């Protein structure tokens, strides 16, 4: 992989951007209108991220034949039923992945890497250094367990923030363009899986 993640910042700086992000377990304590259950996994209908309420846009399954890897949920400021509507929205966003099997974090990182590259076109060179950083952060988790929740969040003030079971990992990756590339890997022209894309867009299965 090109480039490696930069050395960690001093602890005081890290605490500062964590406070600014507001990305803590408190997000799960917000008032809820209800919850949706998909493949046995419960997703809140609404969450609060970076001081703004987000709605559950849709849920989908990442599977290969009979093998089910994870379920995903997409949270947006407002509901969208097409990829352009998702990609053009401003404000915070979240993609949540909940593992259905035990798996090496490296495999999730590899799949994420391929998905972003496959959907990036001419933007790929500008994304590579930041994608390499995300790869390093993801694979550093070691082993993922069934039920683990991986959140890929976008905070306009910080960039892309990765969380594992509510704990921030690594440091923010700057740029709205990077998070748009992340979203394209799920709902773009070459998604991880067509049924996953349809589910995240809140559409009937294809």
N, C-alpha and C. Protein backbone atom coordinates (compact mmCIF):
# COMPACT_ATOMS: atom_id res chain seq x y z
N UNK A 1 0.84 -1.20 0.00
CA UNK A 1 0.00 0.00 0.00
C UNK A 1 0.87 1.25 0.00
N UNK A 2 0.50 2.31 -0.71
CA UNK A 2 1.29 3.53 -0.74
C UNK A 2 1.15 4.29 0.56
N UNK A 3 2.28 4.89 1.01
CA UNK A 3 2.30 5.74 2.19
C UNK A 3 1.84 4.99 3.44
N UNK A 4 2.26 5.44 4.57
CA UNK A 4 1.83 4.87 5.84
C UNK A 4 1.23 5.97 6.68
N UNK A 5 0.46 5.57 7.67
CA UNK A 5 -0.17 6.56 8.55
C UNK A 5 0.90 7.34 9.27
N UNK A 6 0.73 8.66 9.42
CA UNK A 6 1.71 9.48 10.10
C UNK A 6 1.77 9.15 11.57
N UNK A 7 2.87 9.57 12.21
CA UNK A 7 3.04 9.31 13.64
C UNK A 7 1.92 9.98 14.41
N UNK A 8 1.56 9.37 15.54
CA UNK A 8 0.46 9.89 16.35
C UNK A 8 0.78 11.28 16.87
N UNK A 9 -0.21 12.11 17.00
CA UNK A 9 -0.04 13.44 17.56
C UNK A 9 0.05 13.34 19.07
N UNK A 10 0.52 14.42 19.74
CA UNK A 10 0.56 14.43 21.20
C UNK A 10 -0.82 14.17 21.77
N UNK A 11 -0.84 13.57 22.97
CA UNK A 11 -2.11 13.19 23.59
C UNK A 11 -3.03 14.39 23.77
N UNK A 12 -2.47 15.58 24.08
CA UNK A 12 -3.31 16.76 24.30
C UNK A 12 -4.04 17.15 23.03
N UNK A 13 -3.36 17.08 21.87
CA UNK A 13 -4.00 17.39 20.60
C UNK A 13 -5.10 16.39 20.29
N UNK A 14 -4.80 15.11 20.55
CA UNK A 14 -5.77 14.06 20.27
C UNK A 14 -7.04 14.27 21.09
N UNK A 15 -6.86 14.61 22.39
CA UNK A 15 -8.03 14.86 23.23
C UNK A 15 -8.84 16.04 22.70
N UNK A 16 -8.13 17.03 22.15
CA UNK A 16 -8.81 18.22 21.65
C UNK A 16 -9.74 17.91 20.50
N UNK A 17 -9.24 17.15 19.51
CA UNK A 17 -10.14 16.89 18.38
C UNK A 17 -11.21 15.87 18.72
N UNK A 18 -10.95 15.03 19.72
CA UNK A 18 -12.00 14.12 20.16
C UNK A 18 -13.16 14.90 20.77
N UNK A 19 -12.81 15.92 21.58
CA UNK A 19 -13.86 16.74 22.18
C UNK A 19 -14.62 17.49 21.09
N UNK A 20 -13.87 18.00 20.10
CA UNK A 20 -14.52 18.75 19.03
C UNK A 20 -15.45 17.88 18.23
N UNK A 21 -15.06 16.65 18.04
CA UNK A 21 -15.87 15.75 17.21
C UNK A 21 -17.20 15.43 17.86
N UNK A 22 -17.19 15.29 19.18
CA UNK A 22 -18.41 14.85 19.84
C UNK A 22 -18.73 13.42 19.49
N UNK A 23 -17.70 12.66 19.07
CA UNK A 23 -17.91 11.29 18.62
C UNK A 23 -17.60 10.34 19.77
N UNK A 24 -18.52 10.23 20.69
CA UNK A 24 -18.32 9.37 21.84
C UNK A 24 -19.53 8.48 22.00
N UNK A 25 -19.46 7.64 22.99
CA UNK A 25 -20.57 6.73 23.23
C UNK A 25 -21.87 7.46 23.53
N UNK A 26 -21.77 8.75 23.86
CA UNK A 26 -22.99 9.51 24.16
C UNK A 26 -23.94 9.55 22.98
N UNK A 27 -23.43 9.36 21.77
CA UNK A 27 -24.28 9.39 20.59
C UNK A 27 -25.36 8.32 20.67
N UNK A 28 -25.07 7.23 21.38
CA UNK A 28 -26.04 6.16 21.47
C UNK A 28 -27.10 6.44 22.53
N UNK A 29 -26.93 7.54 23.28
CA UNK A 29 -27.89 7.86 24.31
C UNK A 29 -28.93 8.87 23.87
N UNK A 30 -28.92 9.24 22.59
CA UNK A 30 -29.85 10.26 22.12
C UNK A 30 -31.28 9.72 22.11
N UNK A 31 -32.24 10.66 22.11
CA UNK A 31 -33.64 10.25 22.05
C UNK A 31 -33.90 9.53 20.74
N UNK A 32 -34.69 8.43 20.78
CA UNK A 32 -34.93 7.65 19.59
C UNK A 32 -36.43 7.57 19.31
N UNK A 33 -36.76 7.64 18.04
CA UNK A 33 -38.15 7.46 17.65
C UNK A 33 -38.47 5.98 17.56
N UNK A 34 -37.46 5.14 17.44
CA UNK A 34 -37.66 3.71 17.30
C UNK A 34 -36.41 3.08 16.75
N UNK A 35 -36.54 1.85 16.32
CA UNK A 35 -35.39 1.13 15.79
C UNK A 35 -35.86 0.17 14.73
N UNK A 36 -34.96 -0.14 13.80
CA UNK A 36 -35.22 -1.11 12.75
C UNK A 36 -34.33 -2.32 12.98
N UNK A 37 -34.86 -3.51 12.73
CA UNK A 37 -34.08 -4.73 12.88
C UNK A 37 -33.89 -5.37 11.51
N UNK A 38 -32.64 -5.68 11.19
CA UNK A 38 -32.31 -6.28 9.91
C UNK A 38 -31.28 -7.38 10.15
N UNK A 39 -31.58 -8.58 9.69
CA UNK A 39 -30.69 -9.73 9.89
C UNK A 39 -30.34 -9.91 11.37
N UNK A 40 -31.30 -9.62 12.23
CA UNK A 40 -31.10 -9.79 13.66
C UNK A 40 -30.33 -8.67 14.33
N UNK A 41 -29.98 -7.63 13.59
CA UNK A 41 -29.22 -6.50 14.13
C UNK A 41 -30.14 -5.28 14.22
N UNK A 42 -30.11 -4.61 15.36
CA UNK A 42 -30.97 -3.44 15.56
C UNK A 42 -30.23 -2.15 15.22
N UNK A 43 -30.90 -1.30 14.46
CA UNK A 43 -30.35 0.01 14.09
C UNK A 43 -31.32 1.10 14.53
N UNK A 44 -30.80 2.12 15.19
CA UNK A 44 -31.64 3.25 15.59
C UNK A 44 -32.20 3.95 14.36
N UNK A 45 -33.46 4.39 14.45
CA UNK A 45 -34.07 5.14 13.36
C UNK A 45 -33.42 6.50 13.18
N UNK A 46 -32.95 7.08 14.30
CA UNK A 46 -32.32 8.40 14.27
C UNK A 46 -31.13 8.40 15.23
N UNK A 47 -30.09 9.11 14.85
CA UNK A 47 -28.94 9.29 15.73
C UNK A 47 -28.53 10.76 15.68
N UNK A 48 -27.67 11.16 16.59
CA UNK A 48 -27.11 12.50 16.56
C UNK A 48 -25.61 12.39 16.34
N UNK A 49 -25.11 13.09 15.35
CA UNK A 49 -23.69 13.07 15.02
C UNK A 49 -23.24 14.49 14.71
N UNK A 50 -22.17 14.93 15.35
CA UNK A 50 -21.64 16.28 15.15
C UNK A 50 -22.72 17.34 15.35
N UNK A 51 -23.58 17.11 16.34
CA UNK A 51 -24.60 18.09 16.68
C UNK A 51 -25.80 18.14 15.77
N UNK A 52 -25.94 17.14 14.90
CA UNK A 52 -27.06 17.16 13.95
C UNK A 52 -27.76 15.81 13.94
N UNK A 53 -29.06 15.84 13.80
CA UNK A 53 -29.83 14.60 13.75
C UNK A 53 -29.74 13.98 12.36
N UNK A 54 -29.46 12.68 12.33
CA UNK A 54 -29.42 11.93 11.08
C UNK A 54 -30.50 10.86 11.10
N UNK A 55 -31.02 10.55 9.92
CA UNK A 55 -32.06 9.52 9.81
C UNK A 55 -31.48 8.27 9.15
N UNK A 56 -32.05 7.14 9.51
CA UNK A 56 -31.66 5.87 8.90
C UNK A 56 -32.20 5.85 7.47
N UNK A 57 -31.30 5.85 6.50
CA UNK A 57 -31.71 5.86 5.10
C UNK A 57 -32.04 4.47 4.59
N UNK A 58 -31.28 3.47 5.05
CA UNK A 58 -31.51 2.10 4.61
C UNK A 58 -30.50 1.16 5.21
N UNK A 59 -30.78 -0.13 5.10
CA UNK A 59 -29.88 -1.17 5.58
C UNK A 59 -29.69 -2.21 4.49
N UNK A 60 -28.52 -2.85 4.49
CA UNK A 60 -28.24 -3.85 3.47
C UNK A 60 -27.31 -4.92 3.98
N UNK A 61 -27.24 -6.01 3.23
CA UNK A 61 -26.42 -7.17 3.60
C UNK A 61 -25.28 -7.34 2.62
N UNK A 62 -24.08 -7.53 3.15
CA UNK A 62 -22.91 -7.87 2.33
C UNK A 62 -22.72 -9.37 2.43
N UNK A 63 -22.98 -10.04 1.30
CA UNK A 63 -22.90 -11.50 1.29
C UNK A 63 -22.30 -11.98 -0.02
N UNK A 64 -21.76 -13.19 0.02
CA UNK A 64 -21.26 -13.88 -1.17
C UNK A 64 -21.87 -15.27 -1.14
N UNK A 65 -22.91 -15.48 -1.96
CA UNK A 65 -23.61 -16.74 -1.90
C UNK A 65 -24.30 -16.89 -0.56
N UNK A 66 -24.04 -17.99 0.13
CA UNK A 66 -24.64 -18.24 1.43
C UNK A 66 -23.87 -17.55 2.56
N UNK A 67 -22.66 -17.07 2.26
CA UNK A 67 -21.80 -16.49 3.30
C UNK A 67 -22.19 -15.04 3.56
N UNK A 68 -22.57 -14.75 4.79
CA UNK A 68 -22.96 -13.40 5.19
C UNK A 68 -21.83 -12.76 5.99
N UNK A 69 -21.29 -11.66 5.48
CA UNK A 69 -20.14 -11.01 6.13
C UNK A 69 -20.57 -9.95 7.14
N UNK A 70 -21.40 -9.01 6.70
CA UNK A 70 -21.84 -7.95 7.61
C UNK A 70 -23.13 -7.32 7.11
N UNK A 71 -23.81 -6.64 8.01
CA UNK A 71 -24.93 -5.80 7.62
C UNK A 71 -24.48 -4.36 7.75
N UNK A 72 -25.04 -3.51 6.92
CA UNK A 72 -24.63 -2.10 6.90
C UNK A 72 -25.86 -1.21 7.01
N UNK A 73 -25.65 -0.03 7.57
CA UNK A 73 -26.70 0.98 7.65
C UNK A 73 -26.12 2.32 7.23
N UNK A 74 -26.93 3.10 6.54
CA UNK A 74 -26.51 4.43 6.09
C UNK A 74 -27.37 5.48 6.77
N UNK A 75 -26.72 6.43 7.42
CA UNK A 75 -27.41 7.54 8.09
C UNK A 75 -27.06 8.85 7.39
N UNK A 76 -28.10 9.63 7.08
CA UNK A 76 -27.95 10.89 6.34
C UNK A 76 -28.78 12.00 7.00
N UNK A 77 -28.48 13.26 6.67
CA UNK A 77 -29.32 14.36 7.17
C UNK A 77 -30.76 14.27 6.66
N UNK A 78 -30.94 13.76 5.45
CA UNK A 78 -32.29 13.56 4.91
C UNK A 78 -32.26 12.33 4.01
N UNK A 79 -33.39 11.68 3.86
CA UNK A 79 -33.44 10.44 3.10
C UNK A 79 -33.18 10.68 1.62
N UNK A 80 -32.55 9.70 0.99
CA UNK A 80 -32.22 9.77 -0.43
C UNK A 80 -32.44 8.41 -1.05
N UNK A 81 -32.91 8.40 -2.29
CA UNK A 81 -33.19 7.14 -2.97
C UNK A 81 -32.32 6.90 -4.20
N UNK A 82 -31.42 7.83 -4.49
CA UNK A 82 -30.48 7.65 -5.60
C UNK A 82 -29.08 7.97 -5.12
N UNK A 83 -28.09 7.41 -5.82
CA UNK A 83 -26.70 7.67 -5.45
C UNK A 83 -26.35 9.15 -5.50
N UNK A 84 -26.72 9.89 -6.57
CA UNK A 84 -26.39 11.32 -6.60
C UNK A 84 -26.97 12.08 -5.41
N UNK A 85 -28.18 11.73 -4.99
CA UNK A 85 -28.79 12.41 -3.84
C UNK A 85 -27.99 12.15 -2.57
N UNK A 86 -27.43 10.95 -2.45
CA UNK A 86 -26.59 10.63 -1.29
C UNK A 86 -25.28 11.41 -1.35
N UNK A 87 -24.61 11.35 -2.50
CA UNK A 87 -23.28 11.93 -2.64
C UNK A 87 -23.27 13.45 -2.55
N UNK A 88 -24.38 14.09 -2.92
CA UNK A 88 -24.42 15.55 -2.94
C UNK A 88 -24.84 16.17 -1.61
N UNK A 89 -25.25 15.35 -0.66
CA UNK A 89 -25.70 15.90 0.62
C UNK A 89 -24.54 16.45 1.43
N UNK A 90 -24.76 17.64 1.99
CA UNK A 90 -23.78 18.23 2.90
C UNK A 90 -24.09 17.77 4.32
N UNK A 91 -23.13 18.01 5.22
CA UNK A 91 -23.35 17.69 6.62
C UNK A 91 -22.81 16.34 7.02
N UNK A 92 -22.95 16.00 8.30
CA UNK A 92 -22.43 14.73 8.81
C UNK A 92 -23.17 13.53 8.22
N UNK A 93 -22.49 12.39 8.22
CA UNK A 93 -23.06 11.15 7.70
C UNK A 93 -22.40 9.99 8.43
N UNK A 94 -23.05 8.85 8.36
CA UNK A 94 -22.47 7.65 8.96
C UNK A 94 -22.78 6.42 8.12
N UNK A 95 -21.78 5.58 7.94
CA UNK A 95 -21.97 4.21 7.46
C UNK A 95 -21.60 3.30 8.62
N UNK A 96 -22.53 2.49 9.06
CA UNK A 96 -22.26 1.54 10.15
C UNK A 96 -22.23 0.12 9.58
N UNK A 97 -21.19 -0.62 9.92
CA UNK A 97 -21.07 -2.02 9.56
C UNK A 97 -21.10 -2.85 10.84
N UNK A 98 -21.92 -3.88 10.87
CA UNK A 98 -21.97 -4.79 12.01
C UNK A 98 -21.61 -6.18 11.51
N UNK A 99 -20.55 -6.74 12.05
CA UNK A 99 -20.03 -8.03 11.61
C UNK A 99 -20.98 -9.16 11.97
N UNK A 100 -21.18 -10.07 11.02
CA UNK A 100 -21.99 -11.26 11.26
C UNK A 100 -21.12 -12.49 11.49
N UNK A 101 -19.81 -12.34 11.33
CA UNK A 101 -18.85 -13.43 11.53
C UNK A 101 -17.59 -12.87 12.17
N UNK A 102 -16.79 -13.75 12.74
CA UNK A 102 -15.44 -13.36 13.16
C UNK A 102 -14.59 -13.21 11.91
N UNK A 103 -13.76 -12.19 11.84
CA UNK A 103 -12.96 -11.97 10.64
C UNK A 103 -11.73 -11.13 10.95
N UNK A 104 -10.63 -11.35 10.22
CA UNK A 104 -9.45 -10.49 10.39
C UNK A 104 -9.79 -9.08 9.90
N UNK A 105 -9.39 -8.08 10.65
CA UNK A 105 -9.62 -6.70 10.22
C UNK A 105 -8.92 -6.42 8.89
N UNK A 106 -7.84 -7.14 8.63
CA UNK A 106 -7.11 -6.96 7.37
C UNK A 106 -8.01 -7.24 6.17
N UNK A 107 -8.87 -8.25 6.27
CA UNK A 107 -9.75 -8.57 5.15
C UNK A 107 -10.76 -7.46 4.90
N UNK A 108 -11.29 -6.88 5.98
CA UNK A 108 -12.21 -5.75 5.81
C UNK A 108 -11.48 -4.58 5.18
N UNK A 109 -10.24 -4.33 5.61
CA UNK A 109 -9.44 -3.23 5.07
C UNK A 109 -9.17 -3.43 3.58
N UNK A 110 -8.85 -4.66 3.19
CA UNK A 110 -8.58 -4.96 1.78
C UNK A 110 -9.82 -4.72 0.93
N UNK A 111 -10.97 -5.19 1.41
CA UNK A 111 -12.20 -5.00 0.66
C UNK A 111 -12.57 -3.54 0.53
N UNK A 112 -12.39 -2.79 1.61
CA UNK A 112 -12.66 -1.35 1.60
C UNK A 112 -11.76 -0.66 0.58
N UNK A 113 -10.49 -1.00 0.60
CA UNK A 113 -9.50 -0.42 -0.31
C UNK A 113 -9.90 -0.65 -1.77
N UNK A 114 -10.23 -1.89 -2.10
CA UNK A 114 -10.61 -2.23 -3.47
C UNK A 114 -11.88 -1.51 -3.89
N UNK A 115 -12.85 -1.44 -2.98
CA UNK A 115 -14.11 -0.79 -3.31
C UNK A 115 -13.95 0.68 -3.62
N UNK A 116 -13.15 1.38 -2.83
CA UNK A 116 -12.92 2.81 -3.07
C UNK A 116 -12.18 3.02 -4.38
N UNK A 117 -11.14 2.23 -4.62
CA UNK A 117 -10.36 2.39 -5.85
C UNK A 117 -11.21 2.10 -7.08
N UNK A 118 -12.06 1.09 -7.00
CA UNK A 118 -12.88 0.69 -8.14
C UNK A 118 -13.88 1.77 -8.54
N UNK A 119 -14.24 2.63 -7.60
CA UNK A 119 -15.25 3.65 -7.88
C UNK A 119 -14.71 5.06 -7.98
N UNK A 120 -13.37 5.22 -7.99
CA UNK A 120 -12.79 6.56 -7.88
C UNK A 120 -12.41 7.20 -9.20
N UNK A 121 -12.22 6.44 -10.26
CA UNK A 121 -11.91 7.02 -11.56
C UNK A 121 -10.67 7.88 -11.54
N UNK A 122 -10.78 9.08 -12.12
CA UNK A 122 -9.62 9.97 -12.24
C UNK A 122 -9.22 10.60 -10.91
N UNK A 123 -10.04 10.44 -9.88
CA UNK A 123 -9.73 11.02 -8.57
C UNK A 123 -8.77 10.16 -7.76
N UNK A 124 -8.42 9.00 -8.28
CA UNK A 124 -7.74 8.00 -7.46
C UNK A 124 -6.40 8.48 -6.91
N UNK A 125 -5.62 9.21 -7.71
CA UNK A 125 -4.29 9.62 -7.24
C UNK A 125 -4.37 10.57 -6.05
N UNK A 126 -5.36 11.45 -6.06
CA UNK A 126 -5.53 12.37 -4.94
C UNK A 126 -5.97 11.64 -3.67
N UNK A 127 -6.60 10.49 -3.84
CA UNK A 127 -7.13 9.75 -2.70
C UNK A 127 -6.13 8.77 -2.10
N UNK A 128 -5.15 8.34 -2.87
CA UNK A 128 -4.27 7.23 -2.45
C UNK A 128 -3.61 7.44 -1.08
N UNK A 129 -2.98 8.58 -0.81
CA UNK A 129 -2.34 8.73 0.50
C UNK A 129 -3.32 8.61 1.66
N UNK A 130 -4.51 9.20 1.50
CA UNK A 130 -5.50 9.13 2.57
C UNK A 130 -6.12 7.73 2.67
N UNK A 131 -6.27 7.08 1.53
CA UNK A 131 -6.78 5.71 1.55
C UNK A 131 -5.80 4.78 2.25
N UNK A 132 -4.51 5.03 2.05
CA UNK A 132 -3.49 4.23 2.73
C UNK A 132 -3.57 4.42 4.24
N UNK A 133 -3.85 5.63 4.68
CA UNK A 133 -4.00 5.88 6.11
C UNK A 133 -5.20 5.13 6.67
N UNK A 134 -6.33 5.17 5.94
CA UNK A 134 -7.51 4.45 6.39
C UNK A 134 -7.26 2.95 6.44
N UNK A 135 -6.53 2.44 5.46
CA UNK A 135 -6.18 1.02 5.42
C UNK A 135 -5.41 0.64 6.69
N UNK A 136 -4.42 1.45 7.04
CA UNK A 136 -3.60 1.16 8.22
C UNK A 136 -4.44 1.19 9.50
N UNK A 137 -5.33 2.17 9.60
CA UNK A 137 -6.17 2.26 10.80
C UNK A 137 -7.10 1.05 10.90
N UNK A 138 -7.70 0.67 9.78
CA UNK A 138 -8.62 -0.47 9.78
C UNK A 138 -7.91 -1.76 10.16
N UNK A 139 -6.81 -2.05 9.49
CA UNK A 139 -6.15 -3.33 9.73
C UNK A 139 -5.51 -3.41 11.11
N UNK A 140 -5.24 -2.26 11.72
CA UNK A 140 -4.63 -2.25 13.05
C UNK A 140 -5.57 -2.78 14.13
N UNK A 141 -6.86 -2.94 13.80
CA UNK A 141 -7.81 -3.47 14.77
C UNK A 141 -7.56 -4.94 15.07
N UNK A 142 -6.79 -5.61 14.21
CA UNK A 142 -6.46 -7.02 14.46
C UNK A 142 -7.58 -7.95 14.07
N UNK A 143 -8.25 -8.52 15.04
CA UNK A 143 -9.34 -9.46 14.78
C UNK A 143 -10.68 -8.84 15.14
N UNK A 144 -11.62 -8.94 14.23
CA UNK A 144 -12.98 -8.45 14.48
C UNK A 144 -13.86 -9.63 14.87
N UNK A 145 -14.79 -9.38 15.78
CA UNK A 145 -15.67 -10.43 16.27
C UNK A 145 -17.10 -10.22 15.78
N UNK A 146 -17.84 -11.31 15.72
CA UNK A 146 -19.26 -11.21 15.38
C UNK A 146 -19.93 -10.23 16.33
N UNK A 147 -20.68 -9.29 15.78
CA UNK A 147 -21.35 -8.29 16.59
C UNK A 147 -20.59 -6.99 16.72
N UNK A 148 -19.31 -6.96 16.33
CA UNK A 148 -18.55 -5.71 16.37
C UNK A 148 -19.18 -4.69 15.42
N UNK A 149 -19.19 -3.43 15.84
CA UNK A 149 -19.74 -2.35 15.02
C UNK A 149 -18.61 -1.42 14.58
N UNK A 150 -18.50 -1.25 13.28
CA UNK A 150 -17.51 -0.34 12.68
C UNK A 150 -18.26 0.84 12.10
N UNK A 151 -17.99 2.03 12.61
CA UNK A 151 -18.63 3.25 12.11
C UNK A 151 -17.63 4.05 11.29
N UNK A 152 -18.02 4.40 10.08
CA UNK A 152 -17.23 5.28 9.23
C UNK A 152 -18.02 6.58 9.15
N UNK A 153 -17.59 7.57 9.92
CA UNK A 153 -18.34 8.81 10.09
C UNK A 153 -17.71 9.96 9.32
N UNK A 154 -18.56 10.91 8.94
CA UNK A 154 -18.07 12.16 8.37
C UNK A 154 -18.55 13.31 9.23
N UNK A 155 -17.58 14.07 9.76
CA UNK A 155 -17.85 15.29 10.51
C UNK A 155 -17.27 16.43 9.67
N UNK A 156 -18.10 17.38 9.20
CA UNK A 156 -17.60 18.45 8.34
C UNK A 156 -16.42 19.22 8.94
N UNK A 157 -16.34 19.29 10.26
CA UNK A 157 -15.25 20.05 10.90
C UNK A 157 -13.95 19.26 10.97
N UNK A 158 -14.03 17.96 10.78
CA UNK A 158 -12.85 17.11 10.97
C UNK A 158 -12.50 16.26 9.76
N UNK A 159 -13.51 15.70 9.13
CA UNK A 159 -13.28 14.76 8.04
C UNK A 159 -13.83 13.39 8.40
N UNK A 160 -13.19 12.36 7.87
CA UNK A 160 -13.63 10.99 8.09
C UNK A 160 -13.03 10.44 9.38
N UNK A 161 -13.89 9.90 10.23
CA UNK A 161 -13.47 9.36 11.53
C UNK A 161 -13.94 7.91 11.62
N UNK A 162 -13.04 7.03 11.99
CA UNK A 162 -13.35 5.60 12.12
C UNK A 162 -13.53 5.24 13.59
N UNK A 163 -14.60 4.52 13.89
CA UNK A 163 -14.84 4.04 15.25
C UNK A 163 -15.05 2.53 15.24
N UNK A 164 -14.58 1.87 16.28
CA UNK A 164 -14.84 0.45 16.49
C UNK A 164 -15.52 0.30 17.84
N UNK A 165 -16.76 -0.16 17.82
CA UNK A 165 -17.54 -0.31 19.05
C UNK A 165 -17.55 0.96 19.89
N UNK A 166 -17.70 2.11 19.20
CA UNK A 166 -17.83 3.39 19.89
C UNK A 166 -16.52 4.04 20.28
N UNK A 167 -15.40 3.41 19.99
CA UNK A 167 -14.09 3.97 20.33
C UNK A 167 -13.39 4.45 19.06
N UNK A 168 -13.00 5.72 19.05
CA UNK A 168 -12.32 6.29 17.88
C UNK A 168 -10.97 5.63 17.68
N UNK A 169 -10.66 5.30 16.43
CA UNK A 169 -9.37 4.72 16.08
C UNK A 169 -8.67 5.64 15.09
N UNK A 170 -7.38 5.87 15.31
CA UNK A 170 -6.63 6.74 14.43
C UNK A 170 -7.07 8.19 14.56
N UNK A 171 -6.71 8.97 13.56
CA UNK A 171 -7.06 10.39 13.54
C UNK A 171 -7.90 10.70 12.31
N UNK A 172 -8.62 11.82 12.32
CA UNK A 172 -9.49 12.14 11.19
C UNK A 172 -8.72 12.24 9.88
N UNK A 173 -9.40 11.87 8.81
CA UNK A 173 -8.84 11.98 7.47
C UNK A 173 -9.58 13.11 6.77
N UNK A 174 -8.86 14.15 6.42
CA UNK A 174 -9.49 15.38 5.92
C UNK A 174 -10.07 15.21 4.52
N UNK A 175 -11.04 16.05 4.22
CA UNK A 175 -11.55 16.16 2.86
C UNK A 175 -12.92 15.54 2.66
N UNK A 176 -13.87 16.36 2.22
CA UNK A 176 -15.18 15.84 1.84
C UNK A 176 -15.06 14.86 0.69
N UNK A 177 -14.10 15.09 -0.21
CA UNK A 177 -13.93 14.22 -1.37
C UNK A 177 -13.60 12.79 -0.95
N UNK A 178 -12.89 12.64 0.17
CA UNK A 178 -12.55 11.29 0.63
C UNK A 178 -13.81 10.55 1.08
N UNK A 179 -14.68 11.24 1.83
CA UNK A 179 -15.88 10.55 2.30
C UNK A 179 -16.83 10.27 1.14
N UNK A 180 -16.88 11.15 0.17
CA UNK A 180 -17.68 10.87 -1.03
C UNK A 180 -17.18 9.60 -1.70
N UNK A 181 -15.86 9.42 -1.74
CA UNK A 181 -15.28 8.20 -2.32
C UNK A 181 -15.70 6.97 -1.51
N UNK A 182 -15.74 7.12 -0.18
CA UNK A 182 -16.21 6.03 0.68
C UNK A 182 -17.65 5.67 0.33
N UNK A 183 -18.50 6.67 0.21
CA UNK A 183 -19.91 6.42 -0.11
C UNK A 183 -20.07 5.78 -1.48
N UNK A 184 -19.25 6.19 -2.44
CA UNK A 184 -19.33 5.60 -3.78
C UNK A 184 -19.07 4.10 -3.74
N UNK A 185 -18.20 3.67 -2.85
CA UNK A 185 -17.89 2.24 -2.78
C UNK A 185 -19.12 1.43 -2.36
N UNK A 186 -20.07 2.08 -1.70
CA UNK A 186 -21.30 1.41 -1.28
C UNK A 186 -22.46 1.63 -2.24
N UNK A 187 -22.58 2.84 -2.81
CA UNK A 187 -23.77 3.15 -3.62
C UNK A 187 -23.41 3.65 -5.02
N UNK A 188 -22.14 3.55 -5.41
CA UNK A 188 -21.71 4.03 -6.72
C UNK A 188 -22.01 3.05 -7.84
N UNK A 189 -21.36 3.25 -8.98
CA UNK A 189 -21.61 2.41 -10.15
C UNK A 189 -21.08 1.00 -10.00
N UNK A 190 -20.08 0.82 -9.14
CA UNK A 190 -19.49 -0.50 -8.93
C UNK A 190 -19.46 -0.81 -7.43
N UNK A 191 -20.63 -1.00 -6.83
CA UNK A 191 -20.70 -1.20 -5.38
C UNK A 191 -20.17 -2.57 -4.97
N UNK A 192 -19.98 -2.73 -3.66
CA UNK A 192 -19.54 -4.02 -3.14
C UNK A 192 -20.52 -5.12 -3.55
N UNK A 193 -21.80 -4.79 -3.53
CA UNK A 193 -22.84 -5.76 -3.87
C UNK A 193 -24.10 -4.97 -4.25
N UNK A 194 -24.77 -5.38 -5.33
CA UNK A 194 -25.94 -4.64 -5.80
C UNK A 194 -27.07 -4.63 -4.78
N UNK A 195 -27.26 -5.77 -4.10
CA UNK A 195 -28.32 -5.81 -3.09
C UNK A 195 -27.98 -4.92 -1.90
N UNK A 196 -26.70 -4.86 -1.56
CA UNK A 196 -26.27 -3.97 -0.48
C UNK A 196 -26.56 -2.53 -0.86
N UNK A 197 -26.24 -2.15 -2.08
CA UNK A 197 -26.51 -0.79 -2.56
C UNK A 197 -28.00 -0.47 -2.48
N UNK A 198 -28.84 -1.38 -3.00
CA UNK A 198 -30.28 -1.15 -2.98
C UNK A 198 -30.81 -0.98 -1.57
N UNK A 199 -30.30 -1.81 -0.66
CA UNK A 199 -30.75 -1.72 0.72
C UNK A 199 -30.39 -0.40 1.36
N UNK A 200 -29.15 0.07 1.14
CA UNK A 200 -28.72 1.34 1.73
C UNK A 200 -29.49 2.52 1.16
N UNK A 201 -29.96 2.38 -0.08
CA UNK A 201 -30.78 3.44 -0.68
C UNK A 201 -32.26 3.30 -0.31
N UNK A 202 -32.58 2.28 0.48
CA UNK A 202 -33.96 2.08 0.90
C UNK A 202 -34.86 1.59 -0.21
N UNK A 203 -34.27 0.89 -1.19
CA UNK A 203 -35.02 0.39 -2.34
C UNK A 203 -35.27 -1.11 -2.21
N UNK A 204 -36.24 -1.65 -2.96
CA UNK A 204 -36.48 -3.10 -2.95
C UNK A 204 -35.24 -3.84 -3.45
N UNK A 205 -35.05 -5.09 -3.03
CA UNK A 205 -33.89 -5.88 -3.49
C UNK A 205 -33.89 -6.02 -5.00
N UNK A 206 -32.68 -6.02 -5.59
CA UNK A 206 -32.57 -6.18 -7.05
C UNK A 206 -32.43 -7.65 -7.38
